[in-house]
Protein backbone atom coordinates (compact mmCIF):
# COMPACT_ATOMS: atom_id res chain seq x y z
CA MET A 1 73.79 109.37 80.32
CA ARG A 2 76.68 107.38 81.38
CA HIS A 3 79.79 108.69 83.79
CA THR A 4 82.99 108.56 82.39
CA GLY A 5 84.70 109.30 85.11
CA ARG A 6 87.73 111.02 84.24
CA HIS A 7 90.25 112.11 86.68
CA ALA A 8 93.19 114.64 87.03
CA PRO A 9 95.77 112.22 89.02
CA PHE A 10 97.59 113.54 91.96
CA ALA A 11 95.06 115.83 92.89
CA VAL A 12 95.65 114.79 96.54
CA HIS A 13 98.43 115.63 98.60
CA GLU A 14 100.65 112.45 100.30
CA ALA A 15 99.94 113.78 103.81
CA VAL A 16 96.39 113.04 103.21
CA HIS A 17 96.90 109.49 102.69
CA GLU A 18 98.71 109.22 105.71
CA ASP A 19 96.05 111.17 107.43
CA PHE A 20 93.70 108.69 106.24
CA ARG A 21 96.24 105.85 107.00
CA GLU A 22 95.75 106.75 110.54
CA THR A 23 92.20 106.70 110.33
CA VAL A 24 91.72 103.31 109.11
CA ARG A 25 94.27 102.52 111.48
CA ALA A 26 92.35 103.39 114.12
CA TRP A 27 88.77 102.10 112.96
CA VAL A 28 90.48 98.44 111.97
CA GLY A 29 91.85 98.48 115.86
CA LYS A 30 88.39 98.79 117.28
CA GLU A 31 85.83 97.67 114.64
CA VAL A 32 88.08 94.70 113.07
CA VAL A 33 90.97 93.31 115.45
CA PRO A 34 89.20 92.33 118.76
CA PHE A 35 86.52 90.36 116.64
CA HIS A 36 88.13 88.71 113.72
CA ASP A 37 89.07 85.53 115.47
CA GLN A 38 85.30 84.98 115.87
CA TRP A 39 84.65 85.84 112.55
CA GLU A 40 87.18 83.61 111.33
CA ARG A 41 84.82 80.82 113.55
CA ASP A 42 81.96 82.03 112.16
CA GLY A 43 83.05 82.10 108.78
CA ILE A 44 81.23 85.56 107.54
CA VAL A 45 82.14 88.90 108.36
CA PRO A 46 78.42 90.34 110.07
CA ARG A 47 76.83 92.98 108.20
CA GLU A 48 77.02 95.55 110.68
CA VAL A 49 80.93 95.63 109.74
CA TRP A 50 79.68 97.03 106.17
CA THR A 51 77.97 99.80 107.58
CA SER A 52 80.44 100.92 110.20
CA ALA A 53 82.67 100.74 107.56
CA GLY A 54 80.61 103.07 105.41
CA ALA A 55 80.00 105.34 108.19
CA GLN A 56 83.49 105.68 108.70
CA GLY A 57 84.05 106.39 104.67
CA LEU A 58 85.66 103.57 104.14
CA LEU A 59 83.24 102.13 101.06
CA GLY A 60 83.22 103.74 97.57
CA MET A 61 85.68 106.64 98.07
CA ASP A 62 85.94 107.09 94.35
CA LEU A 63 82.67 107.44 93.52
CA ASP A 64 80.20 110.44 93.43
CA GLU A 65 79.71 112.68 96.70
CA ARG A 66 75.71 113.26 95.49
CA TYR A 67 75.87 108.90 96.22
CA GLY A 68 77.66 109.01 99.52
CA GLY A 69 80.82 108.55 98.05
CA GLY A 70 84.31 110.20 98.74
CA GLY A 71 84.36 111.84 95.59
CA VAL A 72 87.89 111.29 94.81
CA ARG A 73 89.33 109.24 91.88
CA ASP A 74 92.72 108.19 93.57
CA PHE A 75 93.65 104.62 93.96
CA ARG A 76 96.00 105.46 96.90
CA PHE A 77 93.16 105.46 99.12
CA GLN A 78 92.12 102.05 98.43
CA ALA A 79 95.45 101.17 98.82
CA VAL A 80 95.83 102.27 101.99
CA LEU A 81 92.76 100.45 103.30
CA ASP A 82 93.82 97.25 101.61
CA GLU A 83 97.41 97.62 103.00
CA GLU A 84 96.17 98.72 106.82
CA VAL A 85 93.31 95.44 106.52
CA VAL A 86 96.16 92.88 105.57
CA ARG A 87 98.68 94.49 108.19
CA VAL A 88 96.11 92.80 111.06
CA GLY A 89 95.75 89.68 108.95
CA ALA A 90 91.85 90.86 108.66
CA THR A 91 91.72 88.73 105.59
CA GLY A 92 87.41 88.23 106.00
CA LEU A 93 86.67 91.85 104.89
CA GLY A 94 85.39 91.72 101.19
CA PHE A 95 86.36 95.60 101.25
CA GLY A 96 88.56 95.02 98.55
CA LEU A 97 86.51 93.22 96.39
CA HIS A 98 83.96 95.91 96.38
CA ASN A 99 85.88 98.86 96.29
CA ASP A 100 88.40 98.13 94.13
CA VAL A 101 86.58 95.52 91.56
CA VAL A 102 83.38 95.86 91.80
CA ALA A 103 83.11 100.09 92.24
CA PRO A 104 84.65 100.87 88.87
CA TYR A 105 82.08 98.90 86.80
CA LEU A 106 79.28 100.94 88.55
CA ARG A 107 81.33 104.06 88.55
CA ASP A 108 82.18 104.01 84.69
CA LEU A 109 79.07 101.69 83.52
CA ALA A 110 76.34 102.62 85.48
CA THR A 111 73.44 105.00 84.06
CA GLU A 112 72.05 108.01 86.26
CA GLU A 113 69.13 105.77 87.52
CA GLN A 114 71.33 102.63 88.01
CA ALA A 115 73.38 105.16 90.17
CA ARG A 116 70.70 106.66 92.19
CA ARG A 117 69.23 102.88 92.67
CA TRP A 118 72.45 101.29 93.57
CA LEU A 119 75.62 103.52 94.75
CA PRO A 120 73.83 104.89 98.15
CA GLY A 121 73.32 101.98 99.58
CA PHE A 122 76.94 100.93 98.03
CA CYS A 123 78.71 103.45 99.83
CA SER A 124 76.81 103.30 103.24
CA GLY A 125 77.58 99.55 103.61
CA ALA A 126 73.77 98.87 103.37
CA LEU A 127 74.55 97.05 100.10
CA VAL A 128 77.21 94.58 99.65
CA SER A 129 78.43 94.02 96.58
CA ALA A 130 80.16 90.66 94.54
CA ILE A 131 81.22 89.96 90.91
CA ALA A 132 80.21 86.44 89.34
CA MET A 133 82.75 85.15 86.65
CA THR A 134 83.94 81.84 87.63
CA GLU A 135 82.18 78.47 87.20
CA PRO A 136 82.25 75.17 88.08
CA GLY A 137 83.84 74.42 84.72
CA ALA A 138 85.21 77.69 83.66
CA GLY A 139 87.88 79.72 85.49
CA SER A 140 90.21 81.77 84.40
CA ASP A 141 89.13 80.91 80.95
CA LEU A 142 86.08 83.18 80.23
CA GLN A 143 85.36 81.84 76.79
CA GLY A 144 83.83 78.63 78.52
CA LEU A 145 81.17 80.50 80.45
CA THR A 146 78.01 78.68 79.78
CA THR A 147 75.92 81.05 82.02
CA THR A 148 73.34 82.11 79.73
CA ALA A 149 70.62 84.90 79.26
CA ARG A 150 67.88 84.79 77.05
CA ARG A 151 65.85 87.97 75.76
CA ASP A 152 62.27 87.89 77.19
CA GLY A 153 60.05 90.63 76.57
CA ASP A 154 61.78 93.67 77.85
CA GLY A 155 64.48 91.71 80.42
CA TRP A 156 66.40 88.61 80.38
CA LEU A 157 65.87 85.10 81.56
CA LEU A 158 69.16 84.13 83.46
CA THR A 159 70.33 80.73 83.86
CA GLY A 160 73.45 78.84 85.20
CA ALA A 161 76.03 78.52 88.30
CA LYS A 162 78.55 80.48 89.58
CA THR A 163 81.21 79.34 92.23
CA PHE A 164 84.07 80.93 94.35
CA ILE A 165 81.98 84.12 94.83
CA THR A 166 83.44 86.31 97.14
CA ASN A 167 80.85 87.98 99.38
CA GLY A 168 78.34 85.63 97.95
CA ILE A 169 76.37 85.12 100.95
CA ASN A 170 76.52 88.96 102.35
CA ALA A 171 75.78 90.31 98.43
CA ASP A 172 72.93 92.28 97.92
CA LEU A 173 73.79 92.79 94.57
CA VAL A 174 75.92 90.87 91.88
CA ILE A 175 77.31 91.44 88.84
CA VAL A 176 77.03 88.38 86.88
CA VAL A 177 78.77 87.86 83.44
CA ALA A 178 76.61 85.59 81.28
CA ARG A 179 76.46 84.89 77.45
CA THR A 180 73.54 86.78 75.64
CA ASP A 181 74.50 86.20 72.14
CA PRO A 182 74.53 81.84 71.85
CA ASP A 183 75.83 82.30 68.68
CA ALA A 184 78.84 84.39 68.98
CA PRO A 185 82.01 82.82 69.36
CA GLY A 186 84.57 82.61 72.21
CA SER A 187 84.46 85.74 74.37
CA ARG A 188 81.98 87.46 72.20
CA GLY A 189 78.43 87.71 73.22
CA LEU A 190 78.78 88.42 76.90
CA SER A 191 77.21 90.99 78.84
CA LEU A 192 77.01 91.96 82.61
CA LEU A 193 73.58 91.48 84.15
CA VAL A 194 72.91 92.77 87.74
CA VAL A 195 70.87 90.47 89.93
CA GLU A 196 69.90 91.82 93.18
CA ARG A 197 68.79 90.30 96.29
CA GLY A 198 65.34 88.50 96.32
CA MET A 199 65.09 88.14 92.66
CA ALA A 200 63.14 84.65 92.06
CA GLY A 201 65.08 82.00 90.99
CA PHE A 202 68.39 83.59 92.56
CA THR A 203 69.74 81.42 95.27
CA ARG A 204 73.34 80.74 97.39
CA GLY A 205 74.80 77.25 98.13
CA ARG A 206 76.90 76.64 100.69
CA ASN A 207 79.31 78.94 102.55
CA LEU A 208 82.52 77.30 100.85
CA ALA A 209 85.15 75.81 103.38
CA LYS A 210 88.39 76.89 102.59
CA VAL A 211 92.19 76.27 103.29
CA GLY A 212 92.47 80.09 104.43
CA LEU A 213 90.79 83.24 104.10
CA LYS A 214 88.38 81.42 107.11
CA ALA A 215 86.11 84.56 107.90
CA GLN A 216 85.20 85.62 104.11
CA ASP A 217 81.82 84.15 102.91
CA THR A 218 82.37 82.58 99.69
CA ALA A 219 79.45 80.77 97.87
CA GLU A 220 78.16 79.22 94.94
CA LEU A 221 75.40 81.43 93.00
CA PHE A 222 72.19 79.87 91.18
CA PHE A 223 70.40 81.30 88.62
CA ASP A 224 67.16 79.04 87.86
CA GLY A 225 65.41 81.16 85.27
CA VAL A 226 65.91 84.70 86.80
CA ARG A 227 64.16 87.41 85.21
CA VAL A 228 66.71 90.35 85.01
CA PRO A 229 64.59 93.64 84.01
CA ALA A 230 66.21 95.53 81.13
CA GLU A 231 67.31 98.20 83.48
CA ASN A 232 69.47 95.84 84.87
CA LEU A 233 71.83 95.60 81.98
CA LEU A 234 75.18 97.04 83.17
CA GLY A 235 77.44 98.91 80.12
CA THR A 236 76.52 97.65 76.81
CA GLU A 237 74.83 94.63 75.64
CA HIS A 238 77.25 92.01 74.05
CA HIS A 239 80.34 94.20 75.08
CA GLY A 240 80.97 92.39 78.42
CA PHE A 241 84.32 90.71 77.78
CA ALA A 242 85.68 94.24 76.74
CA HIS A 243 84.13 95.66 80.31
CA LEU A 244 85.90 93.17 82.05
CA MET A 245 89.12 93.49 80.20
CA ASP A 246 88.90 97.37 81.01
CA ASN A 247 88.81 96.61 84.54
CA LEU A 248 90.96 93.55 85.39
CA PRO A 249 94.21 95.72 85.67
CA GLN A 250 92.93 97.12 88.86
CA GLU A 251 91.51 93.96 90.06
CA ARG A 252 95.23 92.38 89.67
CA LEU A 253 97.06 95.71 91.07
CA SER A 254 94.45 95.38 93.94
CA ILE A 255 95.78 92.03 94.86
CA ALA A 256 99.27 93.12 94.32
CA VAL A 257 98.86 95.70 96.87
CA GLY A 258 97.39 92.98 99.36
CA ALA A 259 100.36 90.69 98.37
CA VAL A 260 103.14 92.98 99.33
CA ALA A 261 101.78 94.65 102.46
CA ALA A 262 100.95 90.63 103.73
CA ALA A 263 104.59 90.12 102.93
CA GLU A 264 105.76 93.09 104.69
CA ALA A 265 103.42 92.60 107.60
CA VAL A 266 104.77 88.83 107.81
CA LEU A 267 108.37 89.50 107.70
CA ALA A 268 108.51 92.28 110.44
CA GLN A 269 107.02 89.70 112.60
CA THR A 270 109.65 87.22 111.99
CA VAL A 271 112.46 89.68 112.77
CA GLU A 272 110.86 90.32 116.05
CA TYR A 273 110.38 86.44 116.66
CA VAL A 274 113.82 85.58 115.96
CA THR A 275 115.29 88.53 117.65
CA GLY A 276 113.74 87.16 121.14
CA ARG A 277 113.76 83.66 120.40
CA THR A 278 117.08 81.58 121.43
CA ALA A 279 118.51 78.42 120.24
CA PHE A 280 122.33 77.03 121.60
CA GLY A 281 121.96 80.29 124.05
CA ARG A 282 121.77 82.80 121.49
CA PRO A 283 118.89 84.67 119.45
CA VAL A 284 118.06 82.62 116.33
CA GLY A 285 118.20 85.88 114.26
CA SER A 286 121.96 86.23 115.11
CA PHE A 287 122.86 82.57 113.09
CA GLN A 288 123.81 83.32 109.62
CA HIS A 289 121.39 81.44 108.02
CA SER A 290 118.75 83.29 109.67
CA ARG A 291 120.32 86.78 108.89
CA PHE A 292 120.68 85.51 104.98
CA VAL A 293 117.18 84.21 104.68
CA LEU A 294 115.83 87.65 106.10
CA ALA A 295 118.07 89.55 103.84
CA GLU A 296 116.95 88.10 100.87
CA LEU A 297 113.25 88.27 101.59
CA GLN A 298 113.89 92.04 102.88
CA THR A 299 115.39 92.79 99.45
CA GLU A 300 112.81 91.26 97.54
CA VAL A 301 109.73 92.57 99.47
CA THR A 302 111.50 96.08 98.88
CA ILE A 303 111.63 95.63 95.28
CA ALA A 304 108.16 94.44 95.16
CA ARG A 305 107.01 97.61 96.97
CA THR A 306 109.10 99.49 94.51
CA PHE A 307 107.42 97.81 91.32
CA VAL A 308 103.77 98.05 93.14
CA ASP A 309 103.93 101.85 94.09
CA GLU A 310 104.94 102.55 90.62
CA CYS A 311 102.17 100.14 89.02
CA VAL A 312 99.55 102.50 91.51
CA ARG A 313 101.03 105.67 90.33
CA GLN A 314 100.61 104.74 87.05
CA LEU A 315 97.54 103.49 87.11
CA GLY A 316 96.75 107.21 88.71
CA ALA A 317 98.15 108.68 85.66
CA GLY A 318 96.07 106.28 83.20
CA ASP A 319 99.02 104.60 82.11
CA LEU A 320 98.93 101.23 83.92
CA THR A 321 98.90 98.27 81.02
CA PRO A 322 97.68 95.00 81.36
CA VAL A 323 101.16 93.33 81.00
CA ASP A 324 102.11 95.15 84.18
CA ALA A 325 99.44 94.74 86.26
CA ALA A 326 99.83 90.93 85.17
CA MET A 327 103.73 91.33 86.15
CA ALA A 328 102.73 92.82 89.27
CA LYS A 329 100.06 90.49 90.33
CA TYR A 330 102.08 87.31 89.30
CA TRP A 331 105.20 88.13 91.02
CA THR A 332 104.04 89.49 94.37
CA THR A 333 101.83 86.89 95.19
CA GLU A 334 104.43 84.45 94.60
CA LEU A 335 106.71 86.11 96.61
CA GLN A 336 103.96 86.75 98.97
CA ASN A 337 103.75 82.81 99.76
CA LYS A 338 107.66 82.59 99.31
CA VAL A 339 107.83 84.96 102.30
CA ALA A 340 105.13 83.47 104.06
CA ASP A 341 106.82 79.92 103.84
CA ARG A 342 110.30 81.00 104.98
CA CYS A 343 109.03 82.90 107.78
CA LEU A 344 106.82 79.91 109.11
CA GLN A 345 110.20 77.68 109.35
CA LEU A 346 112.07 80.69 111.14
CA HIS A 347 109.64 80.14 113.66
CA GLY A 348 110.10 76.42 114.00
CA GLY A 349 107.29 74.29 115.17
CA TYR A 350 105.91 77.53 116.63
CA GLY A 351 104.96 78.87 113.26
CA TYR A 352 102.59 75.91 112.91
CA MET A 353 100.69 76.51 115.55
CA ASP A 354 97.31 78.23 114.92
CA GLU A 355 98.21 81.11 117.98
CA TYR A 356 101.10 82.21 115.85
CA PRO A 357 100.18 85.07 112.99
CA VAL A 358 102.35 83.34 110.83
CA SER A 359 100.69 80.00 110.51
CA LYS A 360 97.13 81.84 109.26
CA ALA A 361 99.42 84.35 106.66
CA TRP A 362 100.80 80.79 105.37
CA ARG A 363 97.32 79.69 104.93
CA ASP A 364 95.59 82.85 104.12
CA ALA A 365 98.62 83.67 101.09
CA ARG A 366 98.19 80.33 98.87
CA ILE A 367 94.85 81.68 97.38
CA GLN A 368 96.82 84.53 95.51
CA PRO A 369 98.23 82.86 92.94
CA ILE A 370 94.67 81.46 91.86
CA TYR A 371 92.22 83.97 91.67
CA GLY A 372 92.27 87.48 89.70
CA GLY A 373 93.34 85.30 86.75
CA THR A 374 95.87 82.28 87.67
CA ASN A 375 99.47 83.37 87.60
CA GLU A 376 99.70 80.86 84.79
CA ILE A 377 97.43 82.99 83.02
CA MET A 378 99.42 85.95 84.10
CA ARG A 379 102.52 84.50 82.77
CA GLU A 380 101.00 84.14 79.36
CA ILE A 381 99.92 87.55 79.11
CA VAL A 382 103.26 88.57 79.57
CA GLY A 383 104.77 86.18 77.05
CA ARG A 384 102.23 87.03 74.56
CA SER A 385 103.31 90.71 74.89
CA LEU A 386 106.56 89.64 73.81
CA GLY A 387 105.84 88.53 70.72
CA LEU A 388 105.83 84.64 71.40
């Protein structure tokens, strides 16, 4: 028996989302903000932060209450969490990957037995999740995957390597995309296999040093003949690509939600800065150039917010298309970079100093057009929809 996860959109009143926002904001202010600078230096978020988030009900919000989840399939709750985390620059928290990306695979594809094994820990924070698609030689092109899983008795022997895996060091459960039918062409013959911490042959490489997202553990994963039991197949054998395509729109929308929230945050910080900072005896913000730059950015961020909110509504109604998700992902992430860059410039030399949040916002933004499918791929998806 597999969970279909059907839902009634807009079953929760807007006021409930704002109450939830206050809960998230209070938790982030107490449990995250005072410590995030240290996590940036450490290159990882402590595991106890995950269990604290689980205890607060911030993990698995759309998973069944039987397993400790929130029991409400409404992406607006995840969006609120994403926005509040980004608002304070807490880019080390891998909750978006856990809730927005991995959870739908487990919610919709897990058998009853798998759900009993994995979902309670997923919701409590005792079990941190990741998904492993990207390889050293294959990123956005999933057809080029070389990680293989060969049938062996009642399971598989998994061999290969993955890289740039968010939550890679902390992860206890990793959904691995592997080629299970070597004779199938291109993207056919892929399956989703769940690898768990401690399985023989499963090792992790270094915690990768990055330009930004310094507190987020991003790792290389290696699979040397890992024996994956039959009961760890997620979804249908050889239908992994279809499962990925089903879930990529929400992943891309999640990135867009974070991009808009980040742009709004750095823009607000910059307006405050140029109001108080003086040059030639007057506030920097009073110069026409500053006003025009900020007016342009405010307009574009407002447009982005309007479109992303509509995409969230469409997702709730079951109407979000891969094309609209691609549009949202590529346009908002490029806008996020534009806003961060222009705002850093308006800070002058101080913008290049680590003590000012705009410098971190600028660094952290750069990955956004790359992961979740590069923006070049997003343009290709949109272009093909035009019959080109």
